[in-house]
Amino acid sequence: MLLRHRPPGIDPRPANTTKGFEHLKDEWIAVLRWLDANHVEHVLVGAAAHAIRGQTGVEGAVSIVPAPYGRNLERLSRALGSAHARQRVDGEADTAPVKMTAEKLARGAWWTLRCGKHDVDIEPRPAGGPRYQELLYEASRFELEPGLNVEVASPEDLEHFAYVRRTGVSPEIRITRGPEKAAESDRTEEEAR
């Protein structure tokens, strides 16, 4: 394989963050640079996204929701292959070999990967959760380094993904007040006036 056709690898150089983003980890910036260099379209969710939105003291991997079309998933799978991605198992201490393909990524599974010393999570669309286009529409663009722009999910979408990560299911709103109780409650409010 010619060198010019190899996907770019993860650049470990220290981050040159713009003002306001000095608290971001160099590892996160390296992964985001790598995704940008490989032209992987994605929306950032998870710990790095919370940190970009101003939360301090967060730990975790760079979590992304990739654009679900074939060419983008091909670029992501090639990038993961060139970075020798391995699946994190058993509390993130151990890894297992995995060969990522666009077909595997398209299935919508949650992938917890490690590329060298960098952790990357590929998040699926949770049942009842926002589709990629909805995530992208509500996302905000941040320039973390000169020339490095990332789309970060809205605070509401970040909370949705965090809830799904914690519980395994999408949040659900249930209305428990039936029509009889609603009418009774309305009468009591009118009598109180």
N, C-alpha and C. Protein backbone atom coordinates (compact mmCIF):
# COMPACT_ATOMS: atom_id res chain seq x y z
N MET A 1 0.85 -1.18 0.00
CA MET A 1 0.00 0.00 0.00
C MET A 1 0.89 1.24 0.00
N LEU A 2 0.58 2.17 -0.88
CA LEU A 2 1.34 3.41 -0.92
C LEU A 2 1.06 4.24 0.33
N LEU A 3 2.07 4.94 0.80
CA LEU A 3 1.92 5.73 2.01
C LEU A 3 0.88 6.83 1.86
N ARG A 4 0.76 7.41 0.68
CA ARG A 4 -0.16 8.52 0.52
C ARG A 4 -1.63 8.08 0.60
N HIS A 5 -1.89 6.77 0.53
CA HIS A 5 -3.26 6.27 0.61
C HIS A 5 -3.61 5.78 2.01
N ARG A 6 -2.69 5.86 2.92
CA ARG A 6 -2.98 5.43 4.29
C ARG A 6 -3.75 6.52 5.01
N PRO A 7 -4.73 6.12 5.79
CA PRO A 7 -5.45 7.13 6.59
C PRO A 7 -4.51 7.75 7.62
N PRO A 8 -4.68 9.03 7.93
CA PRO A 8 -3.83 9.66 8.94
C PRO A 8 -3.98 8.98 10.29
N GLY A 9 -2.88 8.91 11.03
CA GLY A 9 -2.90 8.33 12.37
C GLY A 9 -3.18 9.40 13.42
N ILE A 10 -3.22 8.97 14.67
CA ILE A 10 -3.47 9.89 15.78
C ILE A 10 -2.18 10.64 16.07
N ASP A 11 -2.26 11.96 16.03
CA ASP A 11 -1.11 12.84 16.25
C ASP A 11 -1.01 13.15 17.75
N PRO A 12 0.02 12.65 18.43
CA PRO A 12 0.10 12.81 19.88
C PRO A 12 0.65 14.16 20.36
N ARG A 13 0.89 15.11 19.46
CA ARG A 13 1.47 16.38 19.90
C ARG A 13 0.53 17.10 20.87
N PRO A 14 1.09 17.92 21.76
CA PRO A 14 0.26 18.62 22.74
C PRO A 14 -0.77 19.53 22.06
N ALA A 15 -1.88 19.72 22.73
CA ALA A 15 -2.96 20.55 22.20
C ALA A 15 -2.56 22.03 22.23
N ASN A 16 -3.02 22.75 21.22
CA ASN A 16 -2.84 24.19 21.13
C ASN A 16 -4.24 24.82 21.18
N THR A 17 -4.93 24.63 22.30
CA THR A 17 -6.33 24.99 22.39
C THR A 17 -6.54 26.50 22.36
N THR A 18 -7.70 26.88 21.86
CA THR A 18 -8.07 28.29 21.84
C THR A 18 -8.53 28.69 23.24
N LYS A 19 -8.64 30.00 23.44
CA LYS A 19 -8.99 30.53 24.76
C LYS A 19 -10.35 29.97 25.21
N GLY A 20 -10.37 29.52 26.45
CA GLY A 20 -11.58 28.96 27.03
C GLY A 20 -11.62 27.44 27.03
N PHE A 21 -10.72 26.82 26.28
CA PHE A 21 -10.70 25.36 26.19
C PHE A 21 -9.40 24.76 26.72
N GLU A 22 -8.68 25.51 27.53
CA GLU A 22 -7.39 25.04 28.07
C GLU A 22 -7.56 23.83 28.97
N HIS A 23 -8.75 23.63 29.54
CA HIS A 23 -8.99 22.53 30.47
C HIS A 23 -9.19 21.18 29.75
N LEU A 24 -9.32 21.18 28.44
CA LEU A 24 -9.53 19.93 27.71
C LEU A 24 -8.26 19.09 27.70
N LYS A 25 -8.44 17.79 27.77
CA LYS A 25 -7.30 16.87 27.79
C LYS A 25 -6.65 16.79 26.41
N ASP A 26 -5.34 16.68 26.40
CA ASP A 26 -4.59 16.53 25.15
C ASP A 26 -5.04 15.29 24.37
N GLU A 27 -5.39 14.21 25.11
CA GLU A 27 -5.82 12.97 24.46
C GLU A 27 -7.12 13.19 23.67
N TRP A 28 -8.03 13.96 24.24
CA TRP A 28 -9.29 14.25 23.55
C TRP A 28 -9.03 15.04 22.28
N ILE A 29 -8.18 16.06 22.39
CA ILE A 29 -7.87 16.90 21.22
C ILE A 29 -7.20 16.05 20.14
N ALA A 30 -6.30 15.15 20.55
CA ALA A 30 -5.62 14.28 19.57
C ALA A 30 -6.63 13.42 18.81
N VAL A 31 -7.60 12.86 19.52
CA VAL A 31 -8.62 12.02 18.87
C VAL A 31 -9.48 12.87 17.94
N LEU A 32 -9.88 14.06 18.38
CA LEU A 32 -10.70 14.92 17.54
C LEU A 32 -9.95 15.40 16.30
N ARG A 33 -8.64 15.68 16.45
CA ARG A 33 -7.79 16.02 15.29
C ARG A 33 -7.75 14.86 14.30
N TRP A 34 -7.60 13.66 14.84
CA TRP A 34 -7.52 12.45 14.02
C TRP A 34 -8.82 12.22 13.25
N LEU A 35 -9.97 12.38 13.92
CA LEU A 35 -11.25 12.23 13.23
C LEU A 35 -11.41 13.27 12.13
N ASP A 36 -10.98 14.50 12.41
CA ASP A 36 -11.05 15.58 11.42
C ASP A 36 -10.13 15.28 10.23
N ALA A 37 -8.93 14.81 10.50
CA ALA A 37 -7.97 14.50 9.42
C ALA A 37 -8.49 13.37 8.53
N ASN A 38 -9.29 12.48 9.09
CA ASN A 38 -9.87 11.36 8.33
C ASN A 38 -11.23 11.71 7.73
N HIS A 39 -11.65 12.96 7.89
CA HIS A 39 -12.91 13.46 7.31
C HIS A 39 -14.12 12.67 7.79
N VAL A 40 -14.10 12.27 9.06
CA VAL A 40 -15.23 11.56 9.66
C VAL A 40 -16.22 12.59 10.19
N GLU A 41 -17.42 12.57 9.64
CA GLU A 41 -18.47 13.48 10.09
C GLU A 41 -19.14 12.86 11.31
N HIS A 42 -19.27 13.67 12.37
CA HIS A 42 -19.83 13.16 13.62
C HIS A 42 -20.34 14.30 14.48
N VAL A 43 -21.11 13.94 15.49
CA VAL A 43 -21.51 14.87 16.54
C VAL A 43 -20.93 14.31 17.83
N LEU A 44 -20.32 15.18 18.60
CA LEU A 44 -19.65 14.78 19.84
C LEU A 44 -20.67 14.71 20.98
N VAL A 45 -20.66 13.59 21.71
CA VAL A 45 -21.48 13.40 22.91
C VAL A 45 -20.56 12.83 23.99
N GLY A 46 -20.98 12.76 25.23
CA GLY A 46 -20.16 12.14 26.26
C GLY A 46 -19.28 13.11 27.02
N ALA A 47 -18.25 12.58 27.67
CA ALA A 47 -17.41 13.35 28.59
C ALA A 47 -16.74 14.55 27.93
N ALA A 48 -16.13 14.35 26.77
CA ALA A 48 -15.45 15.46 26.09
C ALA A 48 -16.44 16.55 25.72
N ALA A 49 -17.64 16.18 25.31
CA ALA A 49 -18.67 17.16 24.96
C ALA A 49 -19.11 17.95 26.18
N HIS A 50 -19.27 17.27 27.31
CA HIS A 50 -19.62 17.98 28.55
C HIS A 50 -18.53 18.97 28.93
N ALA A 51 -17.26 18.56 28.77
CA ALA A 51 -16.14 19.44 29.10
C ALA A 51 -16.12 20.66 28.17
N ILE A 52 -16.37 20.46 26.89
CA ILE A 52 -16.39 21.57 25.94
C ILE A 52 -17.50 22.55 26.31
N ARG A 53 -18.61 22.04 26.78
CA ARG A 53 -19.74 22.89 27.18
C ARG A 53 -19.55 23.51 28.55
N GLY A 54 -18.37 23.29 29.18
CA GLY A 54 -18.04 24.01 30.40
C GLY A 54 -18.00 23.20 31.68
N GLN A 55 -18.39 21.94 31.65
CA GLN A 55 -18.34 21.13 32.86
C GLN A 55 -16.90 20.76 33.16
N THR A 56 -16.50 20.87 34.41
CA THR A 56 -15.12 20.54 34.78
C THR A 56 -15.08 19.22 35.53
N GLY A 57 -13.92 18.61 35.55
CA GLY A 57 -13.71 17.38 36.29
C GLY A 57 -14.34 16.14 35.68
N VAL A 58 -14.64 16.17 34.40
CA VAL A 58 -15.24 14.99 33.76
C VAL A 58 -14.14 14.07 33.24
N GLU A 59 -14.41 12.80 33.29
CA GLU A 59 -13.50 11.77 32.82
C GLU A 59 -14.22 10.91 31.82
N GLY A 60 -13.49 10.35 30.89
CA GLY A 60 -14.09 9.41 29.96
C GLY A 60 -13.51 9.52 28.57
N ALA A 61 -14.08 8.71 27.70
CA ALA A 61 -13.62 8.63 26.31
C ALA A 61 -14.24 9.73 25.48
N VAL A 62 -13.69 9.90 24.28
CA VAL A 62 -14.32 10.75 23.28
C VAL A 62 -15.45 9.92 22.68
N SER A 63 -16.68 10.36 22.88
CA SER A 63 -17.85 9.63 22.39
C SER A 63 -18.45 10.39 21.22
N ILE A 64 -18.68 9.67 20.13
CA ILE A 64 -19.23 10.30 18.93
C ILE A 64 -20.44 9.53 18.42
N VAL A 65 -21.28 10.26 17.71
CA VAL A 65 -22.35 9.66 16.91
C VAL A 65 -21.98 9.99 15.47
N PRO A 66 -21.52 8.99 14.70
CA PRO A 66 -21.10 9.28 13.33
C PRO A 66 -22.30 9.47 12.40
N ALA A 67 -22.09 10.24 11.35
CA ALA A 67 -23.11 10.37 10.31
C ALA A 67 -23.34 8.97 9.73
N PRO A 68 -24.60 8.56 9.58
CA PRO A 68 -24.90 7.16 9.26
C PRO A 68 -24.80 6.76 7.80
N TYR A 69 -24.25 7.59 6.93
CA TYR A 69 -24.20 7.16 5.53
C TYR A 69 -22.92 6.38 5.25
N GLY A 70 -22.99 5.53 4.21
CA GLY A 70 -21.95 4.55 3.92
C GLY A 70 -20.54 5.08 3.78
N ARG A 71 -20.34 6.15 3.01
CA ARG A 71 -18.97 6.65 2.80
C ARG A 71 -18.35 7.14 4.11
N ASN A 72 -19.15 7.74 4.97
CA ASN A 72 -18.63 8.21 6.25
C ASN A 72 -18.25 7.03 7.14
N LEU A 73 -19.08 6.00 7.17
CA LEU A 73 -18.77 4.82 7.98
C LEU A 73 -17.54 4.09 7.43
N GLU A 74 -17.36 4.11 6.10
CA GLU A 74 -16.14 3.53 5.51
C GLU A 74 -14.90 4.30 5.98
N ARG A 75 -14.98 5.63 5.95
CA ARG A 75 -13.84 6.45 6.41
C ARG A 75 -13.53 6.16 7.88
N LEU A 76 -14.59 6.05 8.70
CA LEU A 76 -14.38 5.77 10.12
C LEU A 76 -13.76 4.39 10.33
N SER A 77 -14.25 3.39 9.61
CA SER A 77 -13.70 2.03 9.79
C SER A 77 -12.25 1.97 9.32
N ARG A 78 -11.91 2.67 8.22
CA ARG A 78 -10.50 2.71 7.78
C ARG A 78 -9.63 3.41 8.81
N ALA A 79 -10.11 4.50 9.38
CA ALA A 79 -9.35 5.23 10.40
C ALA A 79 -9.13 4.35 11.63
N LEU A 80 -10.17 3.64 12.05
CA LEU A 80 -10.04 2.76 13.21
C LEU A 80 -9.07 1.62 12.93
N GLY A 81 -9.10 1.10 11.71
CA GLY A 81 -8.16 0.04 11.33
C GLY A 81 -6.73 0.52 11.34
N SER A 82 -6.51 1.73 10.82
CA SER A 82 -5.13 2.26 10.77
C SER A 82 -4.61 2.59 12.17
N ALA A 83 -5.52 2.87 13.11
CA ALA A 83 -5.11 3.17 14.48
C ALA A 83 -5.09 1.91 15.35
N HIS A 84 -5.30 0.76 14.73
CA HIS A 84 -5.27 -0.53 15.43
C HIS A 84 -6.25 -0.55 16.61
N ALA A 85 -7.49 -0.18 16.34
CA ALA A 85 -8.52 -0.13 17.38
C ALA A 85 -8.77 -1.51 17.96
N ARG A 86 -8.92 -1.55 19.27
CA ARG A 86 -9.26 -2.78 19.99
C ARG A 86 -10.45 -2.46 20.88
N GLN A 87 -11.28 -3.46 21.13
CA GLN A 87 -12.46 -3.25 21.96
C GLN A 87 -12.08 -3.31 23.44
N ARG A 88 -12.54 -2.30 24.22
CA ARG A 88 -12.30 -2.29 25.66
C ARG A 88 -13.31 -3.24 26.32
N VAL A 89 -12.79 -4.07 27.23
CA VAL A 89 -13.65 -5.01 27.96
C VAL A 89 -13.24 -5.02 29.43
N ASP A 90 -14.09 -5.58 30.27
CA ASP A 90 -13.79 -5.75 31.70
C ASP A 90 -13.33 -4.46 32.37
N GLY A 91 -14.21 -3.49 32.41
CA GLY A 91 -13.90 -2.25 33.12
C GLY A 91 -12.81 -1.44 32.46
N GLU A 92 -12.64 -1.58 31.15
CA GLU A 92 -11.73 -0.80 30.34
C GLU A 92 -10.25 -1.15 30.55
N ALA A 93 -9.93 -2.14 31.39
CA ALA A 93 -8.53 -2.49 31.61
C ALA A 93 -8.00 -3.38 30.49
N ASP A 94 -8.81 -4.33 30.04
CA ASP A 94 -8.40 -5.26 28.99
C ASP A 94 -8.98 -4.83 27.65
N THR A 95 -8.33 -5.31 26.60
CA THR A 95 -8.85 -5.06 25.25
C THR A 95 -8.87 -6.37 24.48
N ALA A 96 -9.73 -6.42 23.50
CA ALA A 96 -9.84 -7.60 22.63
C ALA A 96 -9.74 -7.13 21.19
N PRO A 97 -9.08 -7.92 20.33
CA PRO A 97 -8.98 -7.50 18.94
C PRO A 97 -10.35 -7.46 18.27
N VAL A 98 -10.54 -6.48 17.40
CA VAL A 98 -11.79 -6.36 16.66
C VAL A 98 -11.47 -5.75 15.30
N LYS A 99 -12.09 -6.26 14.28
CA LYS A 99 -11.92 -5.69 12.94
C LYS A 99 -13.18 -4.91 12.63
N MET A 100 -13.05 -3.60 12.59
CA MET A 100 -14.20 -2.73 12.35
C MET A 100 -14.45 -2.62 10.85
N THR A 101 -15.72 -2.73 10.48
CA THR A 101 -16.15 -2.54 9.10
C THR A 101 -17.31 -1.56 9.11
N ALA A 102 -17.59 -1.00 7.95
CA ALA A 102 -18.73 -0.09 7.84
C ALA A 102 -20.03 -0.82 8.16
N GLU A 103 -20.12 -2.11 7.82
CA GLU A 103 -21.33 -2.88 8.11
C GLU A 103 -21.54 -3.03 9.61
N LYS A 104 -20.47 -3.30 10.34
CA LYS A 104 -20.58 -3.41 11.80
C LYS A 104 -21.00 -2.08 12.40
N LEU A 105 -20.43 -1.00 11.91
CA LEU A 105 -20.77 0.33 12.44
C LEU A 105 -22.22 0.69 12.11
N ALA A 106 -22.72 0.26 10.96
CA ALA A 106 -24.08 0.59 10.54
C ALA A 106 -25.14 -0.15 11.36
N ARG A 107 -24.76 -1.23 12.02
CA ARG A 107 -25.73 -2.00 12.81
C ARG A 107 -26.25 -1.23 14.02
N GLY A 108 -25.52 -0.21 14.44
CA GLY A 108 -26.00 0.61 15.55
C GLY A 108 -25.66 0.07 16.93
N ALA A 109 -24.59 -0.69 17.05
CA ALA A 109 -24.17 -1.18 18.36
C ALA A 109 -23.30 -0.11 19.04
N TRP A 110 -23.17 -0.23 20.33
CA TRP A 110 -22.30 0.68 21.08
C TRP A 110 -20.90 0.07 21.10
N TRP A 111 -19.93 0.77 20.55
CA TRP A 111 -18.55 0.29 20.47
C TRP A 111 -17.67 1.09 21.43
N THR A 112 -17.01 0.39 22.35
CA THR A 112 -16.04 1.03 23.25
C THR A 112 -14.67 0.57 22.79
N LEU A 113 -13.93 1.49 22.19
CA LEU A 113 -12.67 1.14 21.53
C LEU A 113 -11.49 1.86 22.16
N ARG A 114 -10.32 1.27 21.98
CA ARG A 114 -9.06 1.89 22.39
C ARG A 114 -8.11 1.84 21.21
N CYS A 115 -7.57 3.00 20.87
CA CYS A 115 -6.59 3.13 19.79
C CYS A 115 -5.28 3.56 20.44
N GLY A 116 -4.42 2.60 20.75
CA GLY A 116 -3.20 2.92 21.49
C GLY A 116 -3.58 3.31 22.91
N LYS A 117 -3.33 4.56 23.29
CA LYS A 117 -3.71 5.03 24.63
C LYS A 117 -4.95 5.92 24.59
N HIS A 118 -5.59 6.03 23.44
CA HIS A 118 -6.75 6.89 23.26
C HIS A 118 -8.04 6.07 23.22
N ASP A 119 -9.02 6.49 24.01
CA ASP A 119 -10.31 5.80 24.04
C ASP A 119 -11.33 6.54 23.18
N VAL A 120 -12.07 5.77 22.40
CA VAL A 120 -13.11 6.30 21.51
C VAL A 120 -14.35 5.43 21.67
N ASP A 121 -15.49 6.07 21.88
CA ASP A 121 -16.76 5.34 21.94
C ASP A 121 -17.60 5.74 20.73
N ILE A 122 -18.15 4.75 20.06
CA ILE A 122 -19.07 4.99 18.94
C ILE A 122 -20.46 4.70 19.50
N GLU A 123 -21.27 5.75 19.60
CA GLU A 123 -22.59 5.63 20.23
C GLU A 123 -23.65 5.35 19.17
N PRO A 124 -24.57 4.44 19.47
CA PRO A 124 -25.69 4.21 18.55
C PRO A 124 -26.81 5.21 18.81
N ARG A 125 -27.77 5.24 17.93
CA ARG A 125 -28.97 6.05 18.17
C ARG A 125 -29.84 5.28 19.15
N PRO A 126 -30.09 5.84 20.34
CA PRO A 126 -30.94 5.11 21.29
C PRO A 126 -32.38 5.04 20.80
N ALA A 127 -33.07 3.98 21.15
CA ALA A 127 -34.48 3.85 20.77
C ALA A 127 -35.25 5.04 21.32
N GLY A 128 -35.96 5.71 20.45
CA GLY A 128 -36.70 6.90 20.86
C GLY A 128 -35.85 8.14 20.94
N GLY A 129 -34.56 8.00 20.69
CA GLY A 129 -33.65 9.14 20.77
C GLY A 129 -33.57 9.90 19.47
N PRO A 130 -32.84 11.01 19.48
CA PRO A 130 -32.72 11.82 18.27
C PRO A 130 -31.92 11.12 17.18
N ARG A 131 -32.36 11.32 15.93
CA ARG A 131 -31.60 10.82 14.79
C ARG A 131 -30.39 11.72 14.58
N TYR A 132 -29.46 11.28 13.75
CA TYR A 132 -28.23 12.05 13.52
C TYR A 132 -28.55 13.46 13.03
N GLN A 133 -29.46 13.59 12.07
CA GLN A 133 -29.77 14.91 11.53
C GLN A 133 -30.34 15.83 12.60
N GLU A 134 -31.15 15.28 13.51
CA GLU A 134 -31.70 16.08 14.61
C GLU A 134 -30.59 16.50 15.57
N LEU A 135 -29.67 15.57 15.86
CA LEU A 135 -28.52 15.91 16.71
C LEU A 135 -27.70 17.04 16.09
N LEU A 136 -27.43 16.90 14.80
CA LEU A 136 -26.62 17.89 14.10
C LEU A 136 -27.31 19.24 14.06
N TYR A 137 -28.62 19.26 13.86
CA TYR A 137 -29.38 20.50 13.79
C TYR A 137 -29.33 21.26 15.11
N GLU A 138 -29.38 20.54 16.22
CA GLU A 138 -29.37 21.17 17.55
C GLU A 138 -27.95 21.40 18.08
N ALA A 139 -26.94 20.83 17.42
CA ALA A 139 -25.55 20.93 17.90
C ALA A 139 -24.99 22.34 17.70
N SER A 140 -23.94 22.63 18.45
CA SER A 140 -23.20 23.89 18.31
C SER A 140 -21.79 23.57 17.86
N ARG A 141 -21.23 24.47 17.06
CA ARG A 141 -19.87 24.29 16.56
C ARG A 141 -18.91 25.07 17.45
N PHE A 142 -17.82 24.40 17.84
CA PHE A 142 -16.79 25.03 18.67
C PHE A 142 -15.45 24.87 17.98
N GLU A 143 -14.62 25.91 18.02
CA GLU A 143 -13.26 25.83 17.49
C GLU A 143 -12.33 25.58 18.67
N LEU A 144 -11.82 24.36 18.76
CA LEU A 144 -10.98 23.97 19.90
C LEU A 144 -9.53 24.34 19.71
N GLU A 145 -9.07 24.26 18.48
CA GLU A 145 -7.73 24.66 18.08
C GLU A 145 -7.89 25.42 16.78
N PRO A 146 -6.90 26.22 16.40
CA PRO A 146 -7.02 26.85 15.09
C PRO A 146 -7.20 25.79 14.00
N GLY A 147 -8.31 25.87 13.29
CA GLY A 147 -8.60 24.92 12.22
C GLY A 147 -9.31 23.65 12.65
N LEU A 148 -9.53 23.44 13.95
CA LEU A 148 -10.21 22.24 14.43
C LEU A 148 -11.58 22.64 14.99
N ASN A 149 -12.61 22.40 14.18
CA ASN A 149 -13.98 22.70 14.57
C ASN A 149 -14.71 21.39 14.82
N VAL A 150 -15.47 21.34 15.91
CA VAL A 150 -16.25 20.14 16.23
C VAL A 150 -17.70 20.52 16.50
N GLU A 151 -18.59 19.62 16.15
CA GLU A 151 -20.01 19.77 16.43
C GLU A 151 -20.29 19.06 17.76
N VAL A 152 -20.82 19.81 18.72
CA VAL A 152 -21.10 19.27 20.05
C VAL A 152 -22.61 19.26 20.25
N ALA A 153 -23.13 18.13 20.68
CA ALA A 153 -24.57 17.98 20.88
C ALA A 153 -25.10 19.02 21.87
N SER A 154 -26.37 19.32 21.76
CA SER A 154 -27.01 20.29 22.67
C SER A 154 -27.01 19.73 24.10
N PRO A 155 -27.13 20.60 25.10
CA PRO A 155 -27.17 20.11 26.49
C PRO A 155 -28.29 19.08 26.72
N GLU A 156 -29.44 19.28 26.09
CA GLU A 156 -30.54 18.32 26.25
C GLU A 156 -30.18 16.95 25.67
N ASP A 157 -29.54 16.96 24.49
CA ASP A 157 -29.13 15.69 23.88
C ASP A 157 -28.01 15.03 24.67
N LEU A 158 -27.11 15.83 25.24
CA LEU A 158 -26.05 15.25 26.08
C LEU A 158 -26.66 14.54 27.29
N GLU A 159 -27.67 15.15 27.90
CA GLU A 159 -28.34 14.53 29.04
C GLU A 159 -29.06 13.25 28.61
N HIS A 160 -29.66 13.27 27.43
CA HIS A 160 -30.35 12.08 26.91
C HIS A 160 -29.36 10.93 26.77
N PHE A 161 -28.22 11.18 26.14
CA PHE A 161 -27.21 10.13 25.95
C PHE A 161 -26.63 9.67 27.28
N ALA A 162 -26.42 10.59 28.22
CA ALA A 162 -25.90 10.22 29.54
C ALA A 162 -26.89 9.30 30.26
N TYR A 163 -28.17 9.61 30.16
CA TYR A 163 -29.21 8.78 30.79
C TYR A 163 -29.22 7.38 30.18
N VAL A 164 -29.13 7.31 28.86
CA VAL A 164 -29.12 6.01 28.18
C VAL A 164 -27.88 5.22 28.58
N ARG A 165 -26.72 5.88 28.69
CA ARG A 165 -25.49 5.20 29.10
C ARG A 165 -25.63 4.63 30.51
N ARG A 166 -26.27 5.39 31.41
CA ARG A 166 -26.44 4.95 32.80
C ARG A 166 -27.45 3.81 32.94
N THR A 167 -28.58 3.91 32.24
CA THR A 167 -29.69 2.99 32.47
C THR A 167 -29.87 1.94 31.38
N GLY A 168 -29.42 2.23 30.18
CA GLY A 168 -29.61 1.31 29.06
C GLY A 168 -30.90 1.52 28.30
N VAL A 169 -31.74 2.45 28.75
CA VAL A 169 -33.01 2.73 28.06
C VAL A 169 -33.18 4.24 27.91
N SER A 170 -33.99 4.64 26.94
CA SER A 170 -34.27 6.06 26.75
C SER A 170 -35.23 6.55 27.83
N PRO A 171 -35.10 7.82 28.22
CA PRO A 171 -36.04 8.35 29.20
C PRO A 171 -37.45 8.36 28.63
N GLU A 172 -38.42 8.20 29.51
CA GLU A 172 -39.81 8.13 29.08
C GLU A 172 -40.65 9.00 30.00
N ILE A 173 -41.54 9.77 29.42
CA ILE A 173 -42.45 10.59 30.21
C ILE A 173 -43.77 9.84 30.34
N ARG A 174 -44.25 9.69 31.56
CA ARG A 174 -45.52 9.01 31.79
C ARG A 174 -46.46 9.98 32.49
N ILE A 175 -47.66 10.07 32.00
CA ILE A 175 -48.69 10.90 32.62
C ILE A 175 -49.55 9.95 33.43
N THR A 176 -49.58 10.14 34.75
CA THR A 176 -50.31 9.21 35.61
C THR A 176 -51.66 9.76 36.04
N ARG A 177 -51.90 10.99 35.78
CA ARG A 177 -53.17 11.60 36.17
C ARG A 177 -54.20 11.29 35.11
N GLY A 178 -55.26 10.56 35.46
CA GLY A 178 -56.30 10.19 34.52
C GLY A 178 -57.28 11.33 34.31
N PRO A 179 -58.20 11.21 33.34
CA PRO A 179 -59.15 12.28 33.04
C PRO A 179 -60.09 12.60 34.20
N GLU A 180 -60.48 11.58 35.01
CA GLU A 180 -61.37 11.85 36.15
C GLU A 180 -60.67 12.71 37.18
N LYS A 181 -59.42 12.38 37.50
CA LYS A 181 -58.68 13.14 38.50
C LYS A 181 -58.38 14.54 38.00
N ALA A 182 -58.15 14.71 36.70
CA ALA A 182 -57.89 16.04 36.15
C ALA A 182 -59.12 16.92 36.29
N ALA A 183 -60.32 16.39 35.99
CA ALA A 183 -61.55 17.16 36.12
C ALA A 183 -61.81 17.50 37.58
N GLU A 184 -61.56 16.54 38.49
CA GLU A 184 -61.75 16.78 39.92
C GLU A 184 -60.80 17.85 40.42
N SER A 185 -59.54 17.80 39.95
CA SER A 185 -58.54 18.80 40.33
C SER A 185 -58.94 20.18 39.84
N ASP A 186 -59.49 20.27 38.63
CA ASP A 186 -59.93 21.56 38.07
C ASP A 186 -61.08 22.15 38.90
N ARG A 187 -62.04 21.28 39.33
CA ARG A 187 -63.16 21.75 40.15
C ARG A 187 -62.66 22.28 41.49
N THR A 188 -61.71 21.59 42.11
CA THR A 188 -61.18 22.03 43.39
C THR A 188 -60.49 23.37 43.27
N GLU A 189 -59.75 23.59 42.16
CA GLU A 189 -59.08 24.87 41.95
C GLU A 189 -60.10 25.99 41.76
N GLU A 190 -61.21 25.72 41.07
CA GLU A 190 -62.25 26.74 40.85
C GLU A 190 -62.95 27.09 42.16
N GLU A 191 -63.18 26.07 43.03
CA GLU A 191 -63.81 26.31 44.31
C GLU A 191 -62.91 27.13 45.23
N ALA A 192 -61.61 26.95 45.11
CA ALA A 192 -60.65 27.67 45.95
C ALA A 192 -60.61 29.15 45.59
N ARG A 193 -60.97 29.51 44.40
CA ARG A 193 -60.93 30.91 43.97
C ARG A 193 -62.08 31.61 44.53
